[in-house]
Protein backbone atom coordinates (compact mmCIF):
# COMPACT_ATOMS: atom_id res chain seq x y z
CA MET A 1 64.23 -4.66 10.81
CA THR A 2 60.83 -3.05 10.10
CA TYR A 3 57.68 -4.45 11.70
CA ASN A 4 54.40 -3.67 9.93
CA VAL A 5 52.33 -3.62 13.11
CA HIS A 6 49.76 -1.40 11.37
CA LYS A 7 48.84 -4.34 9.13
CA VAL A 8 46.76 -6.32 11.59
CA ILE A 9 44.96 -9.11 9.74
CA PRO A 10 41.45 -10.14 10.91
CA ILE A 11 40.77 -13.89 11.00
CA SER A 12 37.37 -14.12 12.67
CA ASP A 13 35.20 -12.50 15.30
CA ILE A 14 34.02 -14.03 18.56
CA ASN A 15 30.47 -12.88 17.96
CA PRO A 16 28.26 -15.58 16.40
CA ALA A 17 25.19 -14.45 14.44
CA ARG A 18 21.81 -15.83 15.49
CA ASN A 19 20.15 -15.81 12.06
CA THR A 20 21.23 -17.22 8.71
CA PRO A 21 23.02 -14.43 6.78
CA VAL A 22 21.19 -14.97 3.48
CA ILE A 23 22.05 -11.63 1.85
CA SER A 24 25.72 -11.94 2.78
CA ARG A 25 25.89 -15.41 1.24
CA VAL A 26 24.11 -14.27 -1.93
CA PHE A 27 26.53 -11.36 -2.32
CA MET A 28 29.58 -13.56 -1.78
CA ILE A 29 28.38 -16.28 -4.15
CA SER A 30 27.49 -13.70 -6.80
CA THR A 31 30.94 -12.12 -6.52
CA VAL A 32 32.66 -15.48 -6.83
CA LEU A 33 30.55 -16.43 -9.86
CA VAL A 34 31.36 -13.13 -11.55
CA PHE A 35 35.05 -13.71 -10.90
CA ILE A 36 35.04 -17.31 -12.16
CA LEU A 37 32.48 -17.28 -14.96
CA ILE A 38 32.31 -13.73 -16.34
CA GLN A 39 35.65 -12.00 -15.87
CA PRO A 40 38.21 -12.86 -18.60
CA LYS A 41 41.26 -14.85 -17.51
CA ASN A 42 43.65 -13.24 -19.98
CA GLN A 43 45.20 -10.15 -18.38
CA ILE A 44 44.80 -7.87 -21.41
CA GLU A 45 41.21 -8.96 -21.92
CA LEU A 46 40.54 -8.42 -18.21
CA ILE A 47 41.80 -4.83 -18.40
CA ASN A 48 39.59 -4.17 -21.42
CA PHE A 49 36.68 -5.76 -19.53
CA PHE A 50 37.18 -3.40 -16.59
CA TYR A 51 37.27 -0.38 -18.91
CA GLN A 52 34.10 -1.54 -20.60
CA TYR A 53 32.01 -2.34 -17.53
CA SER A 54 33.52 -0.87 -14.36
CA ALA A 55 33.29 2.64 -12.92
CA ILE A 56 35.97 5.15 -13.97
CA PRO A 57 36.21 8.52 -12.19
CA CYS A 58 36.74 10.57 -15.35
CA GLU A 59 33.65 9.03 -16.94
CA LEU A 60 31.50 9.67 -13.88
CA VAL A 61 32.63 13.30 -13.62
CA ASN A 62 32.01 13.99 -17.32
CA PHE A 63 29.06 11.60 -17.40
CA ALA A 64 30.31 10.18 -20.68
CA PRO A 65 32.30 7.06 -21.59
CA LEU A 66 35.99 7.49 -22.34
CA SER A 67 37.02 8.64 -25.79
CA GLU A 68 39.98 7.36 -27.77
CA SER A 69 41.80 10.67 -27.23
CA GLN A 70 41.34 10.50 -23.47
CA PHE A 71 42.46 6.88 -23.27
CA TYR A 72 45.55 7.05 -25.49
CA ASN A 73 46.71 10.34 -23.99
CA ASN A 74 45.85 9.17 -20.46
CA SER A 75 44.13 12.46 -19.77
CA CYS A 76 40.57 13.34 -18.86
CA PHE A 77 40.92 16.77 -20.52
CA TYR A 78 40.96 15.62 -24.15
CA ASP A 79 37.91 15.76 -26.42
CA GLN A 80 35.13 13.23 -25.96
CA PHE A 81 34.62 12.30 -29.60
CA LYS A 82 35.03 8.71 -30.82
CA VAL A 83 33.89 7.05 -27.61
CA ILE A 84 35.45 3.60 -27.10
CA PHE A 85 32.42 1.92 -25.51
CA PRO A 86 29.39 4.02 -26.55
CA SER A 87 26.86 1.61 -25.03
CA LYS A 88 28.45 1.63 -21.57
CA ASN A 89 25.91 2.17 -18.78
CA LEU A 90 27.57 4.51 -16.28
CA TYR A 91 24.91 3.99 -13.61
CA LEU A 92 25.34 0.23 -13.79
CA SER A 93 29.13 0.56 -13.74
CA VAL A 94 28.96 2.02 -10.22
CA ILE A 95 27.21 -1.14 -9.02
CA LEU A 96 29.27 -3.63 -11.02
CA ALA A 97 32.57 -2.13 -9.85
CA ASN A 98 31.87 -3.60 -6.39
CA LEU A 99 31.59 -7.12 -7.83
CA PHE A 100 34.76 -7.12 -9.92
CA HIS A 101 38.17 -8.17 -8.57
CA ALA A 102 41.65 -8.01 -10.05
CA ASN A 103 42.93 -11.41 -8.88
CA PHE A 104 42.42 -14.30 -6.48
CA LEU A 105 44.08 -12.64 -3.49
CA HIS A 106 42.00 -9.51 -4.06
CA ILE A 107 38.70 -11.37 -3.93
CA LEU A 108 39.85 -13.67 -1.11
CA GLY A 109 40.83 -10.78 1.16
CA ASN A 110 37.66 -8.82 0.48
CA LEU A 111 35.24 -11.71 0.92
CA TRP A 112 37.01 -13.00 4.03
CA SER A 113 36.59 -9.61 5.72
CA PHE A 114 33.08 -9.26 4.28
CA TRP A 115 32.05 -12.47 6.04
CA ILE A 116 33.66 -11.56 9.36
CA PHE A 117 31.79 -8.26 9.67
CA GLY A 118 28.81 -8.68 7.34
CA ASN A 119 27.00 -11.57 8.98
CA ASN A 120 26.65 -9.74 12.30
CA VAL A 121 25.53 -6.48 10.67
CA GLU A 122 22.92 -8.38 8.65
CA ASP A 123 21.84 -10.22 11.79
CA LYS A 124 20.98 -6.98 13.59
CA LEU A 125 19.74 -4.85 10.67
CA GLY A 126 17.53 -7.47 9.05
CA LYS A 127 17.70 -8.54 5.43
CA LEU A 128 15.97 -5.64 3.66
CA LYS A 129 17.76 -2.88 5.57
CA TYR A 130 21.04 -4.74 5.13
CA LEU A 131 20.55 -5.06 1.37
CA PHE A 132 19.83 -1.33 1.12
CA PHE A 133 22.89 -0.64 3.28
CA LEU A 134 25.15 -2.66 0.96
CA LEU A 135 23.87 -0.89 -2.16
CA LEU A 136 24.17 2.56 -0.59
CA ILE A 137 27.67 1.99 0.80
CA GLY A 138 28.81 0.53 -2.51
CA VAL A 139 27.72 3.70 -4.31
CA ILE A 140 29.11 6.02 -1.61
CA SER A 141 32.54 4.36 -1.66
CA ILE A 142 32.77 4.76 -5.45
CA VAL A 143 31.68 8.40 -5.18
CA SER A 144 34.27 9.01 -2.44
CA HIS A 145 37.05 7.65 -4.62
CA THR A 146 35.80 9.61 -7.63
CA PHE A 147 35.55 12.88 -5.71
CA LEU A 148 39.24 12.71 -4.76
CA ASN A 149 40.41 11.34 -8.13
CA GLN A 150 38.25 13.19 -10.63
CA GLU A 151 40.79 13.06 -13.46
CA SER A 152 41.64 9.38 -13.05
CA LEU A 153 41.20 7.02 -16.00
CA VAL A 154 41.83 3.91 -13.89
CA PRO A 155 38.82 1.60 -13.42
CA ILE A 156 37.63 1.10 -9.84
CA VAL A 157 37.27 -2.57 -8.94
CA GLY A 158 36.60 -4.48 -5.74
CA ALA A 159 34.23 -4.77 -2.80
CA SER A 160 36.65 -3.17 -0.35
CA GLY A 161 34.52 -0.03 -0.09
CA ILE A 162 31.55 -2.14 0.99
CA VAL A 163 33.75 -4.12 3.38
CA SER A 164 34.96 -0.86 4.92
CA GLY A 165 31.37 0.29 5.32
CA LEU A 166 30.58 -2.95 7.12
CA MET A 167 33.56 -2.37 9.39
CA GLY A 168 32.24 1.08 10.25
CA ALA A 169 28.78 -0.34 10.98
CA TYR A 170 30.27 -3.22 12.97
CA VAL A 171 32.42 -1.05 15.23
CA TYR A 172 29.44 1.19 15.95
CA MET A 173 27.20 -1.75 16.85
CA PHE A 174 29.81 -3.96 18.54
CA PRO A 175 32.68 -1.73 19.74
CA ASN A 176 33.81 -4.22 22.38
CA ALA A 177 33.38 -7.43 20.36
CA ARG A 178 36.63 -9.35 20.25
CA LEU A 179 38.32 -10.21 16.96
CA LEU A 180 40.86 -12.93 16.38
CA VAL A 181 43.69 -11.31 14.40
CA LEU A 182 47.20 -12.01 13.15
CA VAL A 183 49.77 -9.39 14.13
CA PRO A 184 52.92 -9.12 11.96
CA PHE A 185 55.72 -8.43 14.42
CA GLY A 186 58.68 -10.12 12.80
CA PHE A 187 56.39 -13.13 12.40
CA LEU A 188 52.62 -13.61 12.41
CA PHE A 189 51.16 -14.42 15.79
CA PRO A 190 47.46 -14.74 16.70
CA THR A 191 45.78 -12.70 19.41
CA THR A 192 42.41 -11.19 20.21
CA ILE A 193 41.61 -7.51 20.20
CA LYS A 194 38.48 -5.40 20.66
CA ALA A 195 36.86 -4.17 17.46
CA LYS A 196 37.35 -0.51 18.36
CA PHE A 197 41.10 -1.00 18.78
CA PHE A 198 41.37 -3.05 15.59
CA MET A 199 39.81 -0.15 13.67
CA ILE A 200 42.54 2.18 14.97
CA PHE A 201 45.18 -0.09 13.44
CA TRP A 202 43.11 -0.27 10.26
CA PHE A 203 42.95 3.54 10.00
CA ILE A 204 46.72 3.73 10.49
CA SER A 205 47.12 1.27 7.61
CA GLN A 206 45.05 3.57 5.38
CA ILE A 207 47.46 6.42 6.16
CA PHE A 208 50.38 4.25 5.06
CA ILE A 209 48.50 3.34 1.88
CA ALA A 210 47.74 7.01 1.16
CA LEU A 211 51.39 7.99 1.69
CA GLY A 212 52.72 5.09 -0.35
CA ASP A 213 52.54 4.55 -4.08
CA GLN A 214 50.08 1.68 -3.92
CA ASN A 215 47.30 0.95 -6.38
CA ILE A 216 44.77 0.67 -3.55
CA SER A 217 41.73 2.90 -3.20
CA TRP A 218 42.15 4.20 0.34
CA GLU A 219 39.60 6.89 -0.54
CA ALA A 220 36.88 4.26 -1.06
CA HIS A 221 37.96 2.51 2.14
CA VAL A 222 37.83 5.60 4.34
CA GLY A 223 34.68 6.95 2.69
CA GLY A 224 32.91 3.62 3.07
CA PHE A 225 33.96 3.27 6.71
CA ILE A 226 32.90 6.77 7.74
CA PHE A 227 29.51 6.59 6.04
CA GLY A 228 28.92 3.04 7.29
CA TYR A 229 29.51 4.25 10.84
CA LEU A 230 27.39 7.38 10.41
CA LEU A 231 24.46 5.55 8.81
CA LEU A 232 24.20 3.23 11.79
CA ARG A 233 24.66 6.09 14.23
CA LEU A 234 21.93 8.15 12.57
CA PHE A 235 19.33 5.54 11.69
CA SER A 236 19.86 2.53 13.94
CA LYS A 237 21.34 3.90 17.16
CA LYS A 238 21.41 0.40 18.67
CA ARG A 239 24.66 -0.73 20.26
CA TYR A 240 25.40 -4.14 21.69
CA ASP A 241 27.67 -4.97 24.58
CA ILE A 242 29.39 -8.19 23.51
């Protein structure tokens, strides 16, 4: 029997925020509204929607929307004539990619983790700095994925890069804060663990994702986490003993 002990699932943190996390709530509500009201429900239409509005590494590297030749041959090296979506805004696609999600479980997992770590980071950074942090980490995570997948024609979707950045910021600020987690060891059982040890398990999970054939952007996760940690280390330098 194989136990996936590297897949430790966070449930909550034992670290209540003192201030109302306005920016976190706005981001979460906006993401939910995009998922419910804007994203198509038909799977084929949803895929077309992602190609039309979300970030795609090949497009960002060439700084041009995909052409018919590139799309139908599934190759970034074909000519760039007969662009499929000529009015696509590539700058905006980098931002929108963080708001899109493939399915209910995708958005649930991301927003659950976003809430666990985001409210405390917002609490300590303040609203304006936190908003800038979210935007910057969102862009950095997309760039990280693109840098390591420059020929990819697959749209990037999901807030997991931002969530990873928040995790990096959180573990810098609150390394000893305790998290309530579920550990899969034959069955799920709850326990508490310090944030710094949880992040070790999380990094191990990214190695498994990278080695496996999973359609998960570990590059955005790791890039977001590292830069989230470094940004707090360089510009905040405040740590809290919880």
